[in-house]
Amino acid sequence: MHNSPIDELTKAEINVCKYISKGYTHRKIARLTKRSPKTINNHVTNIYKKLNKHGVNNAARLGVFCVMYSLNK
C-alpha cells in the first residue's frame, strides 16, 4: 500500500503548505507564523525533498498539491 505524500510531512510543513495554497510568499508565511524566513525556506526545501519522490518537483506542482490538499481537508 502506498502512503499519501502528505503522510510524510510534519505538522509545520503541512501548515506552510496551507499558506502556500493561499498564494502567500515565504516572507508573509514567516510573519504570520512568527518564524524566520529561513525557517520557512527550510520547511519548503523539506517539502520539495519529500514530495519529489511523488513527482512534485517544481513550484507550480507544489502549489497545485497544496491547493488540492487544502480542498480535501
N, C-alpha and C. Protein backbone atom coordinates (compact mmCIF):
# COMPACT_ATOMS: atom_id res chain seq x y z
N MET A 1 0.84 -1.18 0.00
CA MET A 1 0.00 0.00 0.00
C MET A 1 0.88 1.24 0.00
N HIS A 2 0.56 2.21 -0.84
CA HIS A 2 1.34 3.45 -0.94
C HIS A 2 0.80 4.48 0.04
N ASN A 3 1.71 5.16 0.71
CA ASN A 3 1.31 6.25 1.58
C ASN A 3 1.05 7.49 0.75
N SER A 4 0.19 8.33 1.26
CA SER A 4 -0.06 9.62 0.62
C SER A 4 1.18 10.48 0.83
N PRO A 5 1.52 11.32 -0.13
CA PRO A 5 2.67 12.21 0.07
C PRO A 5 2.53 13.06 1.33
N ILE A 6 1.31 13.42 1.66
CA ILE A 6 1.09 14.27 2.83
C ILE A 6 1.48 13.55 4.12
N ASP A 7 1.43 12.23 4.13
CA ASP A 7 1.78 11.46 5.32
C ASP A 7 3.24 11.65 5.72
N GLU A 8 4.06 12.07 4.78
CA GLU A 8 5.48 12.24 5.05
C GLU A 8 5.82 13.63 5.60
N LEU A 9 4.86 14.54 5.57
CA LEU A 9 5.13 15.91 6.01
C LEU A 9 4.87 16.07 7.51
N THR A 10 5.67 16.94 8.13
CA THR A 10 5.45 17.28 9.54
C THR A 10 4.27 18.25 9.64
N LYS A 11 3.80 18.47 10.86
CA LYS A 11 2.71 19.43 11.06
C LYS A 11 3.11 20.82 10.60
N ALA A 12 4.34 21.20 10.88
CA ALA A 12 4.82 22.53 10.46
C ALA A 12 4.84 22.64 8.93
N GLU A 13 5.27 21.58 8.25
CA GLU A 13 5.32 21.59 6.79
C GLU A 13 3.91 21.64 6.20
N ILE A 14 2.97 20.93 6.82
CA ILE A 14 1.58 20.98 6.37
C ILE A 14 1.03 22.39 6.54
N ASN A 15 1.36 23.02 7.65
CA ASN A 15 0.91 24.39 7.89
C ASN A 15 1.45 25.33 6.81
N VAL A 16 2.73 25.19 6.47
CA VAL A 16 3.32 26.00 5.40
C VAL A 16 2.60 25.73 4.08
N CYS A 17 2.29 24.48 3.84
CA CYS A 17 1.59 24.09 2.62
C CYS A 17 0.22 24.79 2.53
N LYS A 18 -0.45 24.89 3.64
CA LYS A 18 -1.76 25.57 3.64
C LYS A 18 -1.61 27.04 3.24
N TYR A 19 -0.56 27.69 3.74
CA TYR A 19 -0.33 29.09 3.36
C TYR A 19 0.08 29.21 1.90
N ILE A 20 0.87 28.26 1.42
CA ILE A 20 1.26 28.27 0.00
C ILE A 20 0.01 28.16 -0.87
N SER A 21 -0.95 27.35 -0.44
CA SER A 21 -2.17 27.17 -1.23
C SER A 21 -2.97 28.46 -1.35
N LYS A 22 -2.74 29.39 -0.42
CA LYS A 22 -3.41 30.68 -0.47
C LYS A 22 -2.60 31.72 -1.25
N GLY A 23 -1.44 31.29 -1.76
CA GLY A 23 -0.61 32.18 -2.57
C GLY A 23 0.31 33.09 -1.78
N TYR A 24 0.50 32.81 -0.50
CA TYR A 24 1.34 33.66 0.33
C TYR A 24 2.82 33.44 0.01
N THR A 25 3.58 34.51 0.12
CA THR A 25 5.03 34.42 -0.07
C THR A 25 5.67 33.82 1.18
N HIS A 26 6.91 33.41 1.04
CA HIS A 26 7.63 32.85 2.19
C HIS A 26 7.73 33.89 3.30
N ARG A 27 7.97 35.14 2.93
CA ARG A 27 8.07 36.20 3.94
C ARG A 27 6.76 36.41 4.69
N LYS A 28 5.66 36.38 3.95
CA LYS A 28 4.37 36.57 4.60
C LYS A 28 4.07 35.37 5.51
N ILE A 29 4.39 34.17 5.06
CA ILE A 29 4.19 32.98 5.90
C ILE A 29 5.02 33.11 7.17
N ALA A 30 6.24 33.57 7.04
CA ALA A 30 7.11 33.75 8.20
C ALA A 30 6.48 34.74 9.19
N ARG A 31 5.97 35.84 8.67
CA ARG A 31 5.33 36.84 9.53
C ARG A 31 4.11 36.26 10.24
N LEU A 32 3.27 35.57 9.50
CA LEU A 32 2.03 35.03 10.07
C LEU A 32 2.27 33.92 11.10
N THR A 33 3.33 33.14 10.88
CA THR A 33 3.61 32.02 11.78
C THR A 33 4.62 32.38 12.86
N LYS A 34 5.11 33.63 12.80
CA LYS A 34 6.11 34.10 13.76
C LYS A 34 7.37 33.23 13.74
N ARG A 35 7.77 32.87 12.53
CA ARG A 35 9.01 32.13 12.30
C ARG A 35 9.89 32.98 11.40
N SER A 36 11.16 32.63 11.33
CA SER A 36 12.06 33.38 10.45
C SER A 36 11.84 32.93 9.00
N PRO A 37 12.13 33.83 8.05
CA PRO A 37 12.05 33.42 6.64
C PRO A 37 12.93 32.21 6.34
N LYS A 38 14.09 32.13 7.01
CA LYS A 38 14.98 30.98 6.81
C LYS A 38 14.30 29.68 7.23
N THR A 39 13.56 29.71 8.33
CA THR A 39 12.84 28.52 8.79
C THR A 39 11.79 28.11 7.77
N ILE A 40 11.07 29.08 7.23
CA ILE A 40 10.06 28.79 6.22
C ILE A 40 10.72 28.22 4.97
N ASN A 41 11.84 28.81 4.55
CA ASN A 41 12.57 28.26 3.39
C ASN A 41 13.02 26.83 3.65
N ASN A 42 13.45 26.54 4.87
CA ASN A 42 13.85 25.17 5.21
C ASN A 42 12.66 24.22 5.12
N HIS A 43 11.50 24.66 5.61
CA HIS A 43 10.30 23.83 5.51
C HIS A 43 9.97 23.55 4.05
N VAL A 44 10.02 24.59 3.22
CA VAL A 44 9.71 24.41 1.80
C VAL A 44 10.71 23.46 1.14
N THR A 45 11.98 23.61 1.47
CA THR A 45 13.00 22.69 0.94
C THR A 45 12.69 21.25 1.35
N ASN A 46 12.33 21.06 2.60
CA ASN A 46 12.00 19.71 3.07
C ASN A 46 10.75 19.17 2.39
N ILE A 47 9.76 20.04 2.16
CA ILE A 47 8.56 19.62 1.45
C ILE A 47 8.93 19.14 0.05
N TYR A 48 9.76 19.93 -0.66
CA TYR A 48 10.20 19.53 -2.00
C TYR A 48 10.90 18.17 -1.97
N LYS A 49 11.80 17.99 -1.03
CA LYS A 49 12.54 16.72 -0.94
C LYS A 49 11.60 15.55 -0.75
N LYS A 50 10.64 15.71 0.13
CA LYS A 50 9.71 14.63 0.43
C LYS A 50 8.73 14.37 -0.73
N LEU A 51 8.25 15.43 -1.35
CA LEU A 51 7.26 15.28 -2.41
C LEU A 51 7.88 14.95 -3.76
N ASN A 52 9.16 15.23 -3.93
CA ASN A 52 9.82 14.91 -5.19
C ASN A 52 9.74 13.41 -5.49
N LYS A 53 9.72 12.60 -4.45
CA LYS A 53 9.58 11.15 -4.63
C LYS A 53 8.24 10.80 -5.26
N HIS A 54 7.29 11.73 -5.17
CA HIS A 54 5.95 11.51 -5.70
C HIS A 54 5.67 12.34 -6.94
N GLY A 55 6.74 12.89 -7.55
CA GLY A 55 6.60 13.63 -8.79
C GLY A 55 6.28 15.11 -8.62
N VAL A 56 6.30 15.60 -7.40
CA VAL A 56 6.07 17.03 -7.16
C VAL A 56 7.44 17.68 -7.12
N ASN A 57 7.89 18.21 -8.27
CA ASN A 57 9.28 18.65 -8.36
C ASN A 57 9.47 20.08 -8.83
N ASN A 58 8.41 20.88 -8.80
CA ASN A 58 8.59 22.30 -9.12
C ASN A 58 7.55 23.13 -8.42
N ALA A 59 7.71 24.42 -8.45
CA ALA A 59 6.85 25.32 -7.69
C ALA A 59 5.38 25.21 -8.10
N ALA A 60 5.13 25.11 -9.40
CA ALA A 60 3.75 25.02 -9.86
C ALA A 60 3.08 23.77 -9.33
N ARG A 61 3.78 22.66 -9.40
CA ARG A 61 3.21 21.41 -8.88
C ARG A 61 3.04 21.46 -7.37
N LEU A 62 3.97 22.10 -6.68
CA LEU A 62 3.84 22.24 -5.23
C LEU A 62 2.59 23.05 -4.91
N GLY A 63 2.38 24.14 -5.62
CA GLY A 63 1.19 24.96 -5.40
C GLY A 63 -0.09 24.17 -5.64
N VAL A 64 -0.14 23.42 -6.72
CA VAL A 64 -1.32 22.60 -7.03
C VAL A 64 -1.52 21.55 -5.95
N PHE A 65 -0.44 20.89 -5.54
CA PHE A 65 -0.55 19.89 -4.48
C PHE A 65 -1.13 20.51 -3.21
N CYS A 66 -0.60 21.68 -2.83
CA CYS A 66 -1.07 22.34 -1.60
C CYS A 66 -2.53 22.74 -1.70
N VAL A 67 -2.94 23.24 -2.85
CA VAL A 67 -4.34 23.62 -3.03
C VAL A 67 -5.21 22.38 -2.95
N MET A 68 -4.82 21.30 -3.62
CA MET A 68 -5.62 20.07 -3.59
C MET A 68 -5.70 19.51 -2.18
N TYR A 69 -4.60 19.55 -1.45
CA TYR A 69 -4.61 19.06 -0.08
C TYR A 69 -5.56 19.91 0.78
N SER A 70 -5.50 21.21 0.63
CA SER A 70 -6.34 22.12 1.41
C SER A 70 -7.82 21.91 1.09
N LEU A 71 -8.14 21.64 -0.16
CA LEU A 71 -9.53 21.41 -0.55
C LEU A 71 -10.08 20.11 0.03
N ASN A 72 -9.19 19.16 0.29
CA ASN A 72 -9.62 17.88 0.82
C ASN A 72 -9.68 17.84 2.34
N LYS A 73 -9.38 18.95 2.99
CA LYS A 73 -9.39 18.98 4.47
C LYS A 73 -10.57 19.76 4.98
